[in-house]
């Protein structure tokens, strides 16, 4: 029997990346906090987010992928 992608269960699930949650919180904080260097921080956080998207790997030390057997 041929196994098509629809027949196979998902092998791994993507867990939330802790470093991306922290980056998102920092963006919110610096967007609302009126300090002189806030635009610089927001630009750097945006650049880190874009680089992380291009690399397509989790930037934190923990493993962002877990197998469905673990959940």
N, C-alpha and C. Protein backbone atom coordinates (compact mmCIF):
# COMPACT_ATOMS: atom_id res chain seq x y z
N UNK A 1 0.84 -1.17 0.00
CA UNK A 1 0.00 0.00 0.00
C UNK A 1 0.89 1.25 0.00
N UNK A 2 0.61 2.18 -0.87
CA UNK A 2 1.36 3.42 -0.92
C UNK A 2 0.92 4.36 0.18
N UNK A 3 1.90 4.89 0.88
CA UNK A 3 1.60 5.87 1.93
C UNK A 3 1.71 7.27 1.34
N UNK A 4 0.60 7.93 1.23
CA UNK A 4 0.60 9.32 0.76
C UNK A 4 0.75 10.23 1.97
N UNK A 5 1.14 11.48 1.77
CA UNK A 5 1.30 12.39 2.90
C UNK A 5 0.02 12.57 3.71
N UNK A 6 -1.14 12.40 3.07
CA UNK A 6 -2.39 12.54 3.80
C UNK A 6 -2.63 11.36 4.73
N UNK A 7 -2.08 10.18 4.38
CA UNK A 7 -2.29 8.97 5.18
C UNK A 7 -1.36 8.92 6.39
N UNK A 8 -0.23 9.60 6.31
CA UNK A 8 0.75 9.54 7.38
C UNK A 8 0.42 10.57 8.45
N UNK A 9 0.50 10.18 9.73
CA UNK A 9 0.30 11.16 10.80
C UNK A 9 1.48 12.12 10.87
N UNK A 10 1.25 13.27 11.44
CA UNK A 10 2.34 14.24 11.59
C UNK A 10 3.42 13.65 12.47
N UNK A 11 4.62 13.68 11.99
CA UNK A 11 5.73 13.10 12.73
C UNK A 11 6.19 14.01 13.86
N UNK A 12 6.15 15.32 13.66
CA UNK A 12 6.62 16.25 14.69
C UNK A 12 5.73 17.47 14.72
N UNK A 13 5.62 18.02 15.90
CA UNK A 13 4.87 19.25 16.10
C UNK A 13 5.85 20.36 16.46
N UNK A 14 5.52 21.57 16.08
CA UNK A 14 6.38 22.69 16.41
C UNK A 14 5.90 23.30 17.70
N UNK A 15 6.77 23.32 18.68
CA UNK A 15 6.46 23.93 19.96
C UNK A 15 6.75 25.43 19.86
N UNK A 16 6.09 26.23 20.69
CA UNK A 16 6.39 27.66 20.67
C UNK A 16 7.85 27.91 21.03
N UNK A 17 8.47 28.78 20.29
CA UNK A 17 9.87 29.11 20.52
C UNK A 17 9.95 30.19 21.60
N UNK A 18 10.62 29.90 22.69
CA UNK A 18 10.68 30.82 23.82
C UNK A 18 11.37 32.13 23.44
N UNK A 19 12.39 32.06 22.61
CA UNK A 19 13.10 33.29 22.26
C UNK A 19 12.23 34.19 21.38
N UNK A 20 11.37 33.62 20.56
CA UNK A 20 10.48 34.45 19.74
C UNK A 20 9.39 35.09 20.58
N UNK A 21 8.96 34.41 21.63
CA UNK A 21 7.99 35.01 22.55
C UNK A 21 8.63 36.20 23.27
N UNK A 22 9.87 36.04 23.69
CA UNK A 22 10.58 37.14 24.35
C UNK A 22 10.77 38.31 23.38
N UNK A 23 11.14 38.01 22.13
CA UNK A 23 11.30 39.07 21.14
C UNK A 23 9.99 39.81 20.91
N UNK A 24 8.90 39.08 20.85
CA UNK A 24 7.59 39.71 20.67
C UNK A 24 7.24 40.61 21.84
N UNK A 25 7.51 40.16 23.06
CA UNK A 25 7.25 40.99 24.24
C UNK A 25 8.11 42.25 24.24
N UNK A 26 9.37 42.11 23.83
CA UNK A 26 10.24 43.28 23.76
C UNK A 26 9.75 44.29 22.73
N UNK A 27 9.26 43.80 21.60
CA UNK A 27 8.72 44.70 20.58
C UNK A 27 7.54 45.48 21.15
N UNK A 28 6.65 44.80 21.86
CA UNK A 28 5.50 45.49 22.44
C UNK A 28 5.94 46.52 23.47
N UNK A 29 6.88 46.14 24.33
CA UNK A 29 7.35 47.06 25.37
C UNK A 29 7.99 48.30 24.75
N UNK A 30 8.89 48.11 23.80
CA UNK A 30 9.59 49.26 23.22
C UNK A 30 8.71 50.06 22.27
N UNK A 31 7.64 49.47 21.76
CA UNK A 31 6.71 50.24 20.93
C UNK A 31 5.92 51.22 21.79
N UNK A 32 5.63 50.85 23.02
CA UNK A 32 4.84 51.71 23.90
C UNK A 32 5.69 52.60 24.80
N UNK A 33 6.93 52.23 25.03
CA UNK A 33 7.80 52.96 25.94
C UNK A 33 8.45 54.11 25.17
N UNK A 34 8.19 55.33 25.59
CA UNK A 34 8.73 56.50 24.91
C UNK A 34 10.10 56.87 25.45
N UNK A 35 11.10 56.27 24.87
CA UNK A 35 12.49 56.62 25.17
C UNK A 35 13.18 56.95 23.87
N UNK A 36 14.26 57.65 23.98
CA UNK A 36 14.93 58.18 22.80
C UNK A 36 15.48 57.08 21.87
N UNK A 37 15.95 55.99 22.43
CA UNK A 37 16.57 54.94 21.61
C UNK A 37 15.63 53.78 21.30
N UNK A 38 14.35 53.96 21.54
CA UNK A 38 13.37 52.93 21.25
C UNK A 38 13.31 52.53 19.76
N UNK A 39 13.36 53.49 18.81
CA UNK A 39 13.36 53.08 17.39
C UNK A 39 14.57 52.22 17.00
N UNK A 40 15.70 52.46 17.63
CA UNK A 40 16.90 51.67 17.34
C UNK A 40 16.69 50.23 17.82
N UNK A 41 16.16 50.08 19.02
CA UNK A 41 15.90 48.74 19.56
C UNK A 41 14.88 48.00 18.70
N UNK A 42 13.81 48.71 18.28
CA UNK A 42 12.79 48.07 17.44
C UNK A 42 13.38 47.63 16.10
N UNK A 43 14.28 48.43 15.55
CA UNK A 43 14.94 48.05 14.29
C UNK A 43 15.80 46.81 14.48
N UNK A 44 16.55 46.75 15.56
CA UNK A 44 17.38 45.58 15.84
C UNK A 44 16.54 44.33 16.07
N UNK A 45 15.45 44.47 16.81
CA UNK A 45 14.57 43.32 17.05
C UNK A 45 13.93 42.84 15.74
N UNK A 46 13.58 43.76 14.87
CA UNK A 46 13.05 43.38 13.56
C UNK A 46 14.08 42.65 12.72
N UNK A 47 15.32 43.12 12.77
CA UNK A 47 16.39 42.47 12.01
C UNK A 47 16.64 41.06 12.54
N UNK A 48 16.63 40.89 13.86
CA UNK A 48 16.82 39.56 14.44
C UNK A 48 15.68 38.63 14.03
N UNK A 49 14.47 39.15 14.02
CA UNK A 49 13.31 38.34 13.62
C UNK A 49 13.41 37.93 12.16
N UNK A 50 13.85 38.85 11.30
CA UNK A 50 13.99 38.51 9.88
C UNK A 50 15.10 37.48 9.66
N UNK A 51 16.20 37.62 10.35
CA UNK A 51 17.31 36.66 10.22
C UNK A 51 16.87 35.29 10.70
N UNK A 52 16.12 35.26 11.80
CA UNK A 52 15.61 33.99 12.31
C UNK A 52 14.67 33.35 11.30
N UNK A 53 13.87 34.15 10.62
CA UNK A 53 12.96 33.62 9.60
C UNK A 53 13.70 33.09 8.39
N UNK A 54 14.80 33.74 8.02
CA UNK A 54 15.59 33.28 6.88
C UNK A 54 16.33 31.99 7.20
N UNK A 55 16.85 31.89 8.40
CA UNK A 55 17.59 30.70 8.81
C UNK A 55 16.65 29.54 9.05
N UNK A 56 15.42 29.84 9.52
CA UNK A 56 14.38 28.85 9.78
C UNK A 56 14.79 27.84 10.83
N UNK A 57 15.49 28.33 11.86
CA UNK A 57 15.85 27.50 12.99
C UNK A 57 15.57 28.28 14.26
N UNK A 58 15.34 27.56 15.32
CA UNK A 58 15.11 28.20 16.61
C UNK A 58 16.41 28.81 17.10
N UNK A 59 16.32 30.00 17.63
CA UNK A 59 17.53 30.67 18.08
C UNK A 59 17.81 30.46 19.56
N UNK A 60 16.91 29.82 20.28
CA UNK A 60 17.15 29.57 21.70
C UNK A 60 17.87 28.23 21.88
N UNK A 61 18.35 27.98 23.06
CA UNK A 61 19.14 26.77 23.31
C UNK A 61 18.28 25.52 23.29
N UNK A 62 17.00 25.64 23.66
CA UNK A 62 16.12 24.47 23.70
C UNK A 62 15.72 24.03 22.31
N UNK A 63 15.27 22.79 22.22
CA UNK A 63 14.82 22.24 20.94
C UNK A 63 13.36 22.63 20.74
N UNK A 64 13.05 23.29 19.64
CA UNK A 64 11.69 23.76 19.38
C UNK A 64 10.81 22.70 18.78
N UNK A 65 11.37 21.61 18.35
CA UNK A 65 10.57 20.55 17.75
C UNK A 65 10.53 19.36 18.70
N UNK A 66 9.35 18.80 18.81
CA UNK A 66 9.22 17.59 19.62
C UNK A 66 8.40 16.59 18.83
N UNK A 67 8.68 15.35 19.05
CA UNK A 67 7.95 14.33 18.31
C UNK A 67 6.55 14.17 18.88
N UNK A 68 5.65 13.66 18.08
CA UNK A 68 4.28 13.48 18.53
C UNK A 68 4.19 12.41 19.62
N UNK A 69 5.20 11.57 19.73
CA UNK A 69 5.21 10.54 20.77
C UNK A 69 5.41 11.15 22.14
N UNK A 70 6.07 12.32 22.20
CA UNK A 70 6.33 12.97 23.48
C UNK A 70 5.10 13.68 24.00
N UNK A 71 4.20 14.09 23.13
CA UNK A 71 3.04 14.85 23.59
C UNK A 71 1.87 13.97 23.95
